[in-house]
């Protein structure tokens, strides 16, 4: 519960100072709705690597693994206060739509 609360606070703080126009730059296969749904969480993920930052933007997206069985993997390059943070994101399609997953251990500079 404590981790969830910290994440929520971080996400709310990030949302006040982050902006990107859609569609995002690069080669993302996600549609604009899925990009928008993923955006703030990707900023929060980048924020785990760059502390005390409140200025985020996606500067590139690229496909790491092509779609197979409704799943694919992308890496979003997020500029966080002048530092590029690479956030791998797994997208998952199912019968109700799409979701995504970000593994903290895969986020890197």
PDB file of N, CA and C in Angstrom:
ATOM      1  N   UNK A   1       0.817  -1.189   0.000  1.00  0.00           N
ATOM      2  CA  UNK A   1       0.000   0.000   0.000  1.00  0.00           C
ATOM      3  C   UNK A   1       0.868   1.263   0.000  1.00  0.00           C
ATOM      4  N   UNK A   2       1.953   1.227   0.761  1.00  0.00           N
ATOM      5  CA  UNK A   2       2.833   2.381   0.850  1.00  0.00           C
ATOM      6  C   UNK A   2       3.460   2.690  -0.512  1.00  0.00           C
ATOM      7  N   UNK A   3       3.908   1.639  -1.239  1.00  0.00           N
ATOM      8  CA  UNK A   3       4.487   1.847  -2.562  1.00  0.00           C
ATOM      9  C   UNK A   3       3.462   2.449  -3.504  1.00  0.00           C
ATOM     10  N   UNK A   4       2.223   1.982  -3.432  1.00  0.00           N
ATOM     11  CA  UNK A   4       1.155   2.491  -4.283  1.00  0.00           C
ATOM     12  C   UNK A   4       0.921   3.978  -4.005  1.00  0.00           C
ATOM     13  N   UNK A   5       0.901   4.367  -2.753  1.00  0.00           N
ATOM     14  CA  UNK A   5       0.683   5.756  -2.375  1.00  0.00           C
ATOM     15  C   UNK A   5       1.819   6.645  -2.879  1.00  0.00           C
ATOM     16  N   UNK A   6       3.054   6.196  -2.735  1.00  0.00           N
ATOM     17  CA  UNK A   6       4.203   6.959  -3.213  1.00  0.00           C
ATOM     18  C   UNK A   6       4.125   7.116  -4.730  1.00  0.00           C
ATOM     19  N   UNK A   7       3.783   6.035  -5.421  1.00  0.00           N
ATOM     20  CA  UNK A   7       3.652   6.089  -6.868  1.00  0.00           C
ATOM     21  C   UNK A   7       2.559   7.071  -7.279  1.00  0.00           C
ATOM     22  N   UNK A   8       1.440   7.063  -6.596  1.00  0.00           N
ATOM     23  CA  UNK A   8       0.330   7.953  -6.914  1.00  0.00           C
ATOM     24  C   UNK A   8       0.729   9.414  -6.719  1.00  0.00           C
ATOM     25  N   UNK A   9       1.421   9.704  -5.648  1.00  0.00           N
ATOM     26  CA  UNK A   9       1.888  11.069  -5.390  1.00  0.00           C
ATOM     27  C   UNK A   9       2.858  11.504  -6.478  1.00  0.00           C
ATOM     28  N   UNK A  10       3.778  10.622  -6.839  1.00  0.00           N
ATOM     29  CA  UNK A  10       4.726  10.923  -7.903  1.00  0.00           C
ATOM     30  C   UNK A  10       4.002  11.166  -9.216  1.00  0.00           C
ATOM     31  N   UNK A  11       3.043  10.346  -9.531  1.00  0.00           N
ATOM     32  CA  UNK A  11       2.285  10.489 -10.771  1.00  0.00           C
ATOM     33  C   UNK A  11       1.524  11.806 -10.815  1.00  0.00           C
ATOM     34  N   UNK A  12       0.913  12.200  -9.731  1.00  0.00           N
ATOM     35  CA  UNK A  12       0.185  13.460  -9.686  1.00  0.00           C
ATOM     36  C   UNK A  12       1.123  14.649  -9.839  1.00  0.00           C
ATOM     37  N   UNK A  13       2.277  14.566  -9.225  1.00  0.00           N
ATOM     38  CA  UNK A  13       3.262  15.635  -9.343  1.00  0.00           C
ATOM     39  C   UNK A  13       3.797  15.765 -10.753  1.00  0.00           C
ATOM     40  N   UNK A  14       4.025  14.643 -11.398  1.00  0.00           N
ATOM     41  CA  UNK A  14       4.525  14.641 -12.762  1.00  0.00           C
ATOM     42  C   UNK A  14       3.500  15.236 -13.710  1.00  0.00           C
ATOM     43  N   UNK A  15       2.247  14.921 -13.515  1.00  0.00           N
ATOM     44  CA  UNK A  15       1.226  15.339 -14.473  1.00  0.00           C
ATOM     45  C   UNK A  15       1.092  16.857 -14.574  1.00  0.00           C
ATOM     46  N   UNK A  16       1.451  17.559 -13.549  1.00  0.00           N
ATOM     47  CA  UNK A  16       1.327  19.011 -13.575  1.00  0.00           C
ATOM     48  C   UNK A  16       2.390  19.675 -14.457  1.00  0.00           C
ATOM     49  N   UNK A  17       3.484  18.997 -14.720  1.00  0.00           N
ATOM     50  CA  UNK A  17       4.605  19.615 -15.429  1.00  0.00           C
ATOM     51  C   UNK A  17       5.056  18.834 -16.647  1.00  0.00           C
ATOM     52  N   UNK A  18       4.201  18.006 -17.217  1.00  0.00           N
ATOM     53  CA  UNK A  18       4.586  17.190 -18.351  1.00  0.00           C
ATOM     54  C   UNK A  18       3.639  17.439 -19.510  1.00  0.00           C
ATOM     55  N   UNK A  19       4.205  17.502 -20.682  1.00  0.00           N
ATOM     56  CA  UNK A  19       3.351  17.715 -21.850  1.00  0.00           C
ATOM     57  C   UNK A  19       3.972  17.053 -23.064  1.00  0.00           C
ATOM     58  N   UNK A  20       3.153  16.478 -23.872  1.00  0.00           N
ATOM     59  CA  UNK A  20       3.543  15.932 -25.163  1.00  0.00           C
ATOM     60  C   UNK A  20       2.332  16.036 -26.070  1.00  0.00           C
ATOM     61  N   UNK A  21       2.590  16.270 -27.322  1.00  0.00           N
ATOM     62  CA  UNK A  21       1.502  16.229 -28.282  1.00  0.00           C
ATOM     63  C   UNK A  21       1.439  14.824 -28.859  1.00  0.00           C
ATOM     64  N   UNK A  22       0.236  14.419 -29.201  1.00  0.00           N
ATOM     65  CA  UNK A  22       0.033  13.083 -29.748  1.00  0.00           C
ATOM     66  C   UNK A  22      -0.246  13.204 -31.235  1.00  0.00           C
ATOM     67  N   UNK A  23       0.167  12.251 -32.030  1.00  0.00           N
ATOM     68  CA  UNK A  23       0.898  11.056 -31.625  1.00  0.00           C
ATOM     69  C   UNK A  23       2.334  11.393 -31.221  1.00  0.00           C
ATOM     70  N   UNK A  24       2.912  10.522 -30.417  1.00  0.00           N
ATOM     71  CA  UNK A  24       4.280  10.715 -29.949  1.00  0.00           C
ATOM     72  C   UNK A  24       5.262  10.543 -31.104  1.00  0.00           C
ATOM     73  N   UNK A  25       6.444  11.153 -30.986  1.00  0.00           N
ATOM     74  CA  UNK A  25       7.441  11.005 -32.040  1.00  0.00           C
ATOM     75  C   UNK A  25       7.990   9.582 -32.098  1.00  0.00           C
ATOM     76  N   UNK A  26       8.455   9.194 -33.255  1.00  0.00           N
ATOM     77  CA  UNK A  26       9.087   7.889 -33.409  1.00  0.00           C
ATOM     78  C   UNK A  26       8.185   6.875 -34.069  1.00  0.00           C
ATOM     79  N   UNK A  27       8.365   5.618 -33.688  1.00  0.00           N
ATOM     80  CA  UNK A  27       7.737   4.504 -34.390  1.00  0.00           C
ATOM     81  C   UNK A  27       6.725   3.732 -33.554  1.00  0.00           C
ATOM     82  N   UNK A  28       6.183   4.306 -32.512  1.00  0.00           N
ATOM     83  CA  UNK A  28       5.256   3.584 -31.647  1.00  0.00           C
ATOM     84  C   UNK A  28       4.108   2.977 -32.446  1.00  0.00           C
ATOM     85  N   UNK A  29       3.765   1.744 -32.107  1.00  0.00           N
ATOM     86  CA  UNK A  29       2.630   1.055 -32.724  1.00  0.00           C
ATOM     87  C   UNK A  29       1.335   1.328 -31.950  1.00  0.00           C
ATOM     88  N   UNK A  30       1.458   1.901 -30.772  1.00  0.00           N
ATOM     89  CA  UNK A  30       0.278   2.198 -29.952  1.00  0.00           C
ATOM     90  C   UNK A  30      -0.519   3.331 -30.603  1.00  0.00           C
ATOM     91  N   UNK A  31      -1.844   3.206 -30.586  1.00  0.00           N
ATOM     92  CA  UNK A  31      -2.665   4.294 -31.109  1.00  0.00           C
ATOM     93  C   UNK A  31      -2.636   5.465 -30.118  1.00  0.00           C
ATOM     94  N   UNK A  32      -3.207   6.586 -30.519  1.00  0.00           N
ATOM     95  CA  UNK A  32      -3.122   7.786 -29.678  1.00  0.00           C
ATOM     96  C   UNK A  32      -3.767   7.594 -28.316  1.00  0.00           C
ATOM     97  N   UNK A  33      -4.864   6.869 -28.243  1.00  0.00           N
ATOM     98  CA  UNK A  33      -5.518   6.623 -26.940  1.00  0.00           C
ATOM     99  C   UNK A  33      -4.600   5.830 -26.024  1.00  0.00           C
ATOM    100  N   UNK A  34      -3.994   4.770 -26.555  1.00  0.00           N
ATOM    101  CA  UNK A  34      -3.091   3.955 -25.740  1.00  0.00           C
ATOM    102  C   UNK A  34      -1.840   4.749 -25.356  1.00  0.00           C
ATOM    103  N   UNK A  35      -1.340   5.576 -26.265  1.00  0.00           N
ATOM    104  CA  UNK A  35      -0.208   6.437 -25.921  1.00  0.00           C
ATOM    105  C   UNK A  35      -0.586   7.370 -24.776  1.00  0.00           C
ATOM    106  N   UNK A  36      -1.758   7.990 -24.883  1.00  0.00           N
ATOM    107  CA  UNK A  36      -2.210   8.918 -23.835  1.00  0.00           C
ATOM    108  C   UNK A  36      -2.375   8.191 -22.504  1.00  0.00           C
ATOM    109  N   UNK A  37      -2.910   6.979 -22.542  1.00  0.00           N
ATOM    110  CA  UNK A  37      -3.108   6.197 -21.315  1.00  0.00           C
ATOM    111  C   UNK A  37      -1.782   5.817 -20.662  1.00  0.00           C
ATOM    112  N   UNK A  38      -0.750   5.664 -21.469  1.00  0.00           N
ATOM    113  CA  UNK A  38       0.559   5.198 -20.985  1.00  0.00           C
ATOM    114  C   UNK A  38       1.474   6.351 -20.579  1.00  0.00           C
ATOM    115  N   UNK A  39       1.213   7.527 -21.072  1.00  0.00           N
ATOM    116  CA  UNK A  39       2.140   8.647 -20.972  1.00  0.00           C
ATOM    117  C   UNK A  39       2.545   9.003 -19.537  1.00  0.00           C
ATOM    118  N   UNK A  40       1.596   9.255 -18.665  1.00  0.00           N
ATOM    119  CA  UNK A  40       1.939   9.699 -17.303  1.00  0.00           C
ATOM    120  C   UNK A  40       2.672   8.616 -16.513  1.00  0.00           C
ATOM    121  N   UNK A  41       2.308   7.363 -16.757  1.00  0.00           N
ATOM    122  CA  UNK A  41       3.013   6.283 -16.067  1.00  0.00           C
ATOM    123  C   UNK A  41       4.450   6.181 -16.566  1.00  0.00           C
ATOM    124  N   UNK A  42       4.654   6.424 -17.855  1.00  0.00           N
ATOM    125  CA  UNK A  42       6.029   6.393 -18.371  1.00  0.00           C
ATOM    126  C   UNK A  42       6.848   7.544 -17.788  1.00  0.00           C
ATOM    127  N   UNK A  43       6.220   8.706 -17.583  1.00  0.00           N
ATOM    128  CA  UNK A  43       6.928   9.817 -16.935  1.00  0.00           C
ATOM    129  C   UNK A  43       7.278   9.456 -15.491  1.00  0.00           C
ATOM    130  N   UNK A  44       6.350   8.859 -14.794  1.00  0.00           N
ATOM    131  CA  UNK A  44       6.624   8.445 -13.413  1.00  0.00           C
ATOM    132  C   UNK A  44       7.747   7.417 -13.373  1.00  0.00           C
ATOM    133  N   UNK A  45       7.769   6.516 -14.358  1.00  0.00           N
ATOM    134  CA  UNK A  45       8.842   5.522 -14.430  1.00  0.00           C
ATOM    135  C   UNK A  45      10.187   6.203 -14.641  1.00  0.00           C
ATOM    136  N   UNK A  46      10.242   7.184 -15.535  1.00  0.00           N
ATOM    137  CA  UNK A  46      11.485   7.937 -15.752  1.00  0.00           C
ATOM    138  C   UNK A  46      11.892   8.676 -14.486  1.00  0.00           C
ATOM    139  N   UNK A  47      10.906   9.130 -13.732  1.00  0.00           N
ATOM    140  CA  UNK A  47      11.167   9.847 -12.485  1.00  0.00           C
ATOM    141  C   UNK A  47      11.828   9.002 -11.416  1.00  0.00           C
ATOM    142  N   UNK A  48      11.787   7.691 -11.565  1.00  0.00           N
ATOM    143  CA  UNK A  48      12.485   6.829 -10.606  1.00  0.00           C
ATOM    144  C   UNK A  48      13.993   6.876 -10.819  1.00  0.00           C
ATOM    145  N   UNK A  49      14.429   7.352 -11.990  1.00  0.00           N
ATOM    146  CA  UNK A  49      15.857   7.441 -12.297  1.00  0.00           C
ATOM    147  C   UNK A  49      16.407   8.857 -12.156  1.00  0.00           C
ATOM    148  N   UNK A  50      15.541   9.860 -12.295  1.00  0.00           N
ATOM    149  CA  UNK A  50      15.965  11.260 -12.196  1.00  0.00           C
ATOM    150  C   UNK A  50      15.143  11.902 -11.082  1.00  0.00           C
ATOM    151  N   UNK A  51      15.766  12.078  -9.950  1.00  0.00           N
ATOM    152  CA  UNK A  51      15.037  12.614  -8.800  1.00  0.00           C
ATOM    153  C   UNK A  51      14.898  14.124  -8.896  1.00  0.00           C
ATOM    154  N   UNK A  52      13.924  14.649  -8.211  1.00  0.00           N
ATOM    155  CA  UNK A  52      13.658  16.092  -8.151  1.00  0.00           C
ATOM    156  C   UNK A  52      13.465  16.722  -9.526  1.00  0.00           C
ATOM    157  N   UNK A  53      12.819  15.997 -10.408  1.00  0.00           N
ATOM    158  CA  UNK A  53      12.549  16.507 -11.748  1.00  0.00           C
ATOM    159  C   UNK A  53      11.046  16.662 -11.916  1.00  0.00           C
ATOM    160  N   UNK A  54      10.642  17.736 -12.597  1.00  0.00           N
ATOM    161  CA  UNK A  54       9.223  17.926 -12.877  1.00  0.00           C
ATOM    162  C   UNK A  54       8.997  18.386 -14.312  1.00  0.00           C
ATOM    163  N   UNK A  55       9.927  18.036 -15.196  1.00  0.00           N
ATOM    164  CA  UNK A  55       9.822  18.432 -16.595  1.00  0.00           C
ATOM    165  C   UNK A  55      10.145  17.222 -17.469  1.00  0.00           C
ATOM    166  N   UNK A  56       9.125  16.634 -18.085  1.00  0.00           N
ATOM    167  CA  UNK A  56       9.258  15.401 -18.846  1.00  0.00           C
ATOM    168  C   UNK A  56       8.685  15.560 -20.244  1.00  0.00           C
ATOM    169  N   UNK A  57       9.325  14.907 -21.206  1.00  0.00           N
ATOM    170  CA  UNK A  57       8.753  14.815 -22.545  1.00  0.00           C
ATOM    171  C   UNK A  57       9.310  13.580 -23.249  1.00  0.00           C
ATOM    172  N   UNK A  58       8.467  12.961 -24.059  1.00  0.00           N
ATOM    173  CA  UNK A  58       8.904  11.820 -24.869  1.00  0.00           C
ATOM    174  C   UNK A  58       9.578  12.396 -26.109  1.00  0.00           C
ATOM    175  N   UNK A  59      10.827  12.002 -26.347  1.00  0.00           N
ATOM    176  CA  UNK A  59      11.538  12.512 -27.513  1.00  0.00           C
ATOM    177  C   UNK A  59      11.659  11.472 -28.616  1.00  0.00           C
ATOM    178  N   UNK A  60      11.407  10.201 -28.307  1.00  0.00           N
ATOM    179  CA  UNK A  60      11.434   9.158 -29.326  1.00  0.00           C
ATOM    180  C   UNK A  60      10.739   7.903 -28.807  1.00  0.00           C
ATOM    181  N   UNK A  61      10.207   7.138 -29.749  1.00  0.00           N
ATOM    182  CA  UNK A  61       9.661   5.813 -29.442  1.00  0.00           C
ATOM    183  C   UNK A  61      10.182   4.861 -30.506  1.00  0.00           C
ATOM    184  N   UNK A  62      10.502   3.642 -30.091  1.00  0.00           N
ATOM    185  CA  UNK A  62      10.923   2.644 -31.078  1.00  0.00           C
ATOM    186  C   UNK A  62      10.406   1.275 -30.655  1.00  0.00           C
ATOM    187  N   UNK A  63      10.199   0.437 -31.628  1.00  0.00           N
ATOM    188  CA  UNK A  63       9.705  -0.917 -31.390  1.00  0.00           C
ATOM    189  C   UNK A  63      10.898  -1.826 -31.132  1.00  0.00           C
ATOM    190  N   UNK A  64      10.885  -2.504 -29.986  1.00  0.00           N
ATOM    191  CA  UNK A  64      11.943  -3.461 -29.655  1.00  0.00           C
ATOM    192  C   UNK A  64      11.573  -4.874 -30.095  1.00  0.00           C
ATOM    193  N   UNK A  65      10.284  -5.203 -29.999  1.00  0.00           N
ATOM    194  CA  UNK A  65       9.805  -6.529 -30.390  1.00  0.00           C
ATOM    195  C   UNK A  65       8.493  -6.350 -31.133  1.00  0.00           C
ATOM    196  N   UNK A  66       8.451  -6.848 -32.350  1.00  0.00           N
ATOM    197  CA  UNK A  66       7.260  -6.739 -33.185  1.00  0.00           C
ATOM    198  C   UNK A  66       6.091  -7.515 -32.567  1.00  0.00           C
ATOM    199  N   UNK A  67       4.867  -7.138 -32.928  1.00  0.00           N
ATOM    200  CA  UNK A  67       3.685  -7.816 -32.361  1.00  0.00           C
ATOM    201  C   UNK A  67       3.672  -9.318 -32.632  1.00  0.00           C
ATOM    202  N   UNK A  68       3.365 -10.063 -31.587  1.00  0.00           N
ATOM    203  CA  UNK A  68       3.194 -11.514 -31.662  1.00  0.00           C
ATOM    204  C   UNK A  68       2.151 -11.888 -30.623  1.00  0.00           C
ATOM    205  N   UNK A  69       1.092 -12.538 -31.050  1.00  0.00           N
ATOM    206  CA  UNK A  69       0.010 -12.935 -30.143  1.00  0.00           C
ATOM    207  C   UNK A  69      -0.581 -11.742 -29.391  1.00  0.00           C
ATOM    208  N   UNK A  70      -0.617 -10.593 -30.039  1.00  0.00           N
ATOM    209  CA  UNK A  70      -1.219  -9.415 -29.424  1.00  0.00           C
ATOM    210  C   UNK A  70      -0.315  -8.655 -28.477  1.00  0.00           C
ATOM    211  N   UNK A  71       0.940  -9.037 -28.372  1.00  0.00           N
ATOM    212  CA  UNK A  71       1.882  -8.359 -27.477  1.00  0.00           C
ATOM    213  C   UNK A  71       3.049  -7.804 -28.284  1.00  0.00           C
ATOM    214  N   UNK A  72       3.538  -6.654 -27.877  1.00  0.00           N
ATOM    215  CA  UNK A  72       4.752  -6.121 -28.472  1.00  0.00           C
ATOM    216  C   UNK A  72       5.465  -5.275 -27.433  1.00  0.00           C
ATOM    217  N   UNK A  73       6.725  -4.951 -27.718  1.00  0.00           N
ATOM    218  CA  UNK A  73       7.520  -4.179 -26.761  1.00  0.00           C
ATOM    219  C   UNK A  73       8.127  -2.971 -27.457  1.00  0.00           C
ATOM    220  N   UNK A  74       8.042  -1.848 -26.769  1.00  0.00           N
ATOM    221  CA  UNK A  74       8.612  -0.603 -27.254  1.00  0.00           C
ATOM    222  C   UNK A  74       9.555  -0.036 -26.203  1.00  0.00           C
ATOM    223  N   UNK A  75      10.391   0.892 -26.634  1.00  0.00           N
ATOM    224  CA  UNK A  75      11.218   1.651 -25.705  1.00  0.00           C
ATOM    225  C   UNK A  75      10.965   3.124 -25.985  1.00  0.00           C
ATOM    226  N   UNK A  76      10.505   3.818 -24.965  1.00  0.00           N
ATOM    227  CA  UNK A  76      10.256   5.251 -25.083  1.00  0.00           C
ATOM    228  C   UNK A  76      11.430   5.986 -24.451  1.00  0.00           C
ATOM    229  N   UNK A  77      11.987   6.930 -25.198  1.00  0.00           N
ATOM    230  CA  UNK A  77      13.059   7.781 -24.680  1.00  0.00           C
ATOM    231  C   UNK A  77      12.407   9.027 -24.107  1.00  0.00           C
ATOM    232  N   UNK A  78      12.582   9.208 -22.816  1.00  0.00           N
ATOM    233  CA  UNK A  78      11.963  10.330 -22.116  1.00  0.00           C
ATOM    234  C   UNK A  78      13.049  11.269 -21.628  1.00  0.00           C
ATOM    235  N   UNK A  79      12.927  12.524 -22.029  1.00  0.00           N
ATOM    236  CA  UNK A  79      13.836  13.538 -21.526  1.00  0.00           C
ATOM    237  C   UNK A  79      13.283  13.998 -20.182  1.00  0.00           C
ATOM    238  N   UNK A  80      14.072  13.769 -19.144  1.00  0.00           N
ATOM    239  CA  UNK A  80      13.690  14.147 -17.778  1.00  0.00           C
ATOM    240  C   UNK A  80      14.710  15.151 -17.278  1.00  0.00           C
ATOM    241  N   UNK A  81      14.327  16.420 -17.314  1.00  0.00           N
ATOM    242  CA  UNK A  81      15.218  17.494 -16.853  1.00  0.00           C
ATOM    243  C   UNK A  81      16.588  17.423 -17.519  1.00  0.00           C
ATOM    244  N   UNK A  82      16.587  17.199 -18.836  1.00  0.00           N
ATOM    245  CA  UNK A  82      17.826  17.199 -19.598  1.00  0.00           C
ATOM    246  C   UNK A  82      18.535  15.860 -19.682  1.00  0.00           C
ATOM    247  N   UNK A  83      18.037  14.845 -19.012  1.00  0.00           N
ATOM    248  CA  UNK A  83      18.651  13.516 -19.058  1.00  0.00           C
ATOM    249  C   UNK A  83      17.720  12.568 -19.808  1.00  0.00           C
ATOM    250  N   UNK A  84      18.284  11.771 -20.712  1.00  0.00           N
ATOM    251  CA  UNK A  84      17.478  10.801 -21.435  1.00  0.00           C
ATOM    252  C   UNK A  84      17.352   9.515 -20.637  1.00  0.00           C
ATOM    253  N   UNK A  85      16.124   9.118 -20.403  1.00  0.00           N
ATOM    254  CA  UNK A  85      15.819   7.881 -19.686  1.00  0.00           C
ATOM    255  C   UNK A  85      15.071   6.976 -20.659  1.00  0.00           C
ATOM    256  N   UNK A  86      15.503   5.725 -20.743  1.00  0.00           N
ATOM    257  CA  UNK A  86      14.897   4.757 -21.650  1.00  0.00           C
ATOM    258  C   UNK A  86      13.941   3.871 -20.856  1.00  0.00           C
ATOM    259  N   UNK A  87      12.670   3.901 -21.264  1.00  0.00           N
ATOM    260  CA  UNK A  87      11.614   3.180 -20.544  1.00  0.00           C
ATOM    261  C   UNK A  87      11.023   2.120 -21.465  1.00  0.00           C
ATOM    262  N   UNK A  88      11.406   0.843 -21.276  1.00  0.00           N
ATOM    263  CA  UNK A  88      10.797  -0.230 -22.060  1.00  0.00           C
ATOM    264  C   UNK A  88       9.368  -0.478 -21.583  1.00  0.00           C
ATOM    265  N   UNK A  89       8.455  -0.642 -22.539  1.00  0.00           N
ATOM    266  CA  UNK A  89       7.040  -0.835 -22.241  1.00  0.00           C
ATOM    267  C   UNK A  89       6.536  -2.027 -23.034  1.00  0.00           C
ATOM    268  N   UNK A  90       5.890  -2.969 -22.351  1.00  0.00           N
ATOM    269  CA  UNK A  90       5.246  -4.094 -23.023  1.00  0.00           C
ATOM    270  C   UNK A  90       3.769  -3.777 -23.151  1.00  0.00           C
ATOM    271  N   UNK A  91       3.271  -3.829 -24.374  1.00  0.00           N
ATOM    272  CA  UNK A  91       1.854  -3.602 -24.643  1.00  0.00           C
ATOM    273  C   UNK A  91       1.170  -4.949 -24.834  1.00  0.00           C
ATOM    274  N   UNK A  92      -0.033  -5.067 -24.271  1.00  0.00           N
ATOM    275  CA  UNK A  92      -0.762  -6.327 -24.279  1.00  0.00           C
ATOM    276  C   UNK A  92      -2.192  -6.081 -24.738  1.00  0.00           C
ATOM    277  N   UNK A  93      -2.560  -6.708 -25.859  1.00  0.00           N
ATOM    278  CA  UNK A  93      -3.935  -6.629 -26.342  1.00  0.00           C
ATOM    279  C   UNK A  93      -4.715  -7.816 -25.808  1.00  0.00           C
ATOM    280  N   UNK A  94      -5.965  -7.550 -25.413  1.00  0.00           N
ATOM    281  CA  UNK A  94      -6.840  -8.645 -24.995  1.00  0.00           C
ATOM    282  C   UNK A  94      -8.250  -8.366 -25.496  1.00  0.00           C
ATOM    283  N   UNK A  95      -9.194  -9.175 -25.093  1.00  0.00           N
ATOM    284  CA  UNK A  95     -10.560  -9.057 -25.610  1.00  0.00           C
ATOM    285  C   UNK A  95     -11.258  -7.765 -25.185  1.00  0.00           C
ATOM    286  N   UNK A  96     -10.744  -7.101 -24.170  1.00  0.00           N
ATOM    287  CA  UNK A  96     -11.379  -5.862 -23.699  1.00  0.00           C
ATOM    288  C   UNK A  96     -10.647  -4.606 -24.160  1.00  0.00           C
ATOM    289  N   UNK A  97      -9.539  -4.761 -24.840  1.00  0.00           N
ATOM    290  CA  UNK A  97      -8.778  -3.606 -25.299  1.00  0.00           C
ATOM    291  C   UNK A  97      -7.291  -3.851 -25.154  1.00  0.00           C
ATOM    292  N   UNK A  98      -6.602  -2.877 -24.579  1.00  0.00           N
ATOM    293  CA  UNK A  98      -5.145  -2.976 -24.444  1.00  0.00           C
ATOM    294  C   UNK A  98      -4.710  -2.448 -23.092  1.00  0.00           C
ATOM    295  N   UNK A  99      -3.602  -2.952 -22.644  1.00  0.00           N
ATOM    296  CA  UNK A  99      -2.974  -2.465 -21.421  1.00  0.00           C
ATOM    297  C   UNK A  99      -1.467  -2.456 -21.657  1.00  0.00           C
ATOM    298  N   UNK A 100      -0.719  -2.122 -20.640  1.00  0.00           N
ATOM    299  CA  UNK A 100       0.729  -2.060 -20.770  1.00  0.00           C
ATOM    300  C   UNK A 100       1.373  -2.427 -19.450  1.00  0.00           C
ATOM    301  N   UNK A 101       2.652  -2.724 -19.528  1.00  0.00           N
ATOM    302  CA  UNK A 101       3.418  -3.084 -18.342  1.00  0.00           C
ATOM    303  C   UNK A 101       4.799  -2.439 -18.450  1.00  0.00           C
ATOM    304  N   UNK A 102       5.241  -1.864 -17.332  1.00  0.00           N
ATOM    305  CA  UNK A 102       6.582  -1.283 -17.254  1.00  0.00           C
ATOM    306  C   UNK A 102       7.308  -1.941 -16.090  1.00  0.00           C
ATOM    307  N   UNK A 103       8.457  -2.548 -16.383  1.00  0.00           N
ATOM    308  CA  UNK A 103       9.265  -3.194 -15.345  1.00  0.00           C
ATOM    309  C   UNK A 103      10.326  -2.213 -14.862  1.00  0.00           C
ATOM    310  N   UNK A 104      10.308  -1.909 -13.573  1.00  0.00           N
ATOM    311  CA  UNK A 104      11.260  -0.941 -13.001  1.00  0.00           C
ATOM    312  C   UNK A 104      12.702  -1.351 -13.247  1.00  0.00           C
ATOM    313  N   UNK A 105      12.980  -2.639 -13.262  1.00  0.00           N
ATOM    314  CA  UNK A 105      14.369  -3.085 -13.419  1.00  0.00           C
ATOM    315  C   UNK A 105      14.915  -2.883 -14.832  1.00  0.00           C
ATOM    316  N   UNK A 106      14.018  -2.635 -15.803  1.00  0.00           N
ATOM    317  CA  UNK A 106      14.460  -2.435 -17.185  1.00  0.00           C
ATOM    318  C   UNK A 106      14.672  -0.966 -17.553  1.00  0.00           C
ATOM    319  N   UNK A 107      14.241  -0.055 -16.716  1.00  0.00           N
ATOM    320  CA  UNK A 107      14.404   1.381 -16.986  1.00  0.00           C
ATOM    321  C   UNK A 107      15.884   1.729 -16.836  1.00  0.00           C
ATOM    322  N   UNK A 108      16.428   2.473 -17.794  1.00  0.00           N
ATOM    323  CA  UNK A 108      17.865   2.771 -17.747  1.00  0.00           C
ATOM    324  C   UNK A 108      18.187   4.089 -18.440  1.00  0.00           C
ATOM    325  N   UNK A 109      19.420   4.551 -18.208  1.00  0.00           N
ATOM    326  CA  UNK A 109      19.926   5.762 -18.867  1.00  0.00           C
ATOM    327  C   UNK A 109      20.501   5.391 -20.213  1.00  0.00           C
TER     328      UNK A 109
END
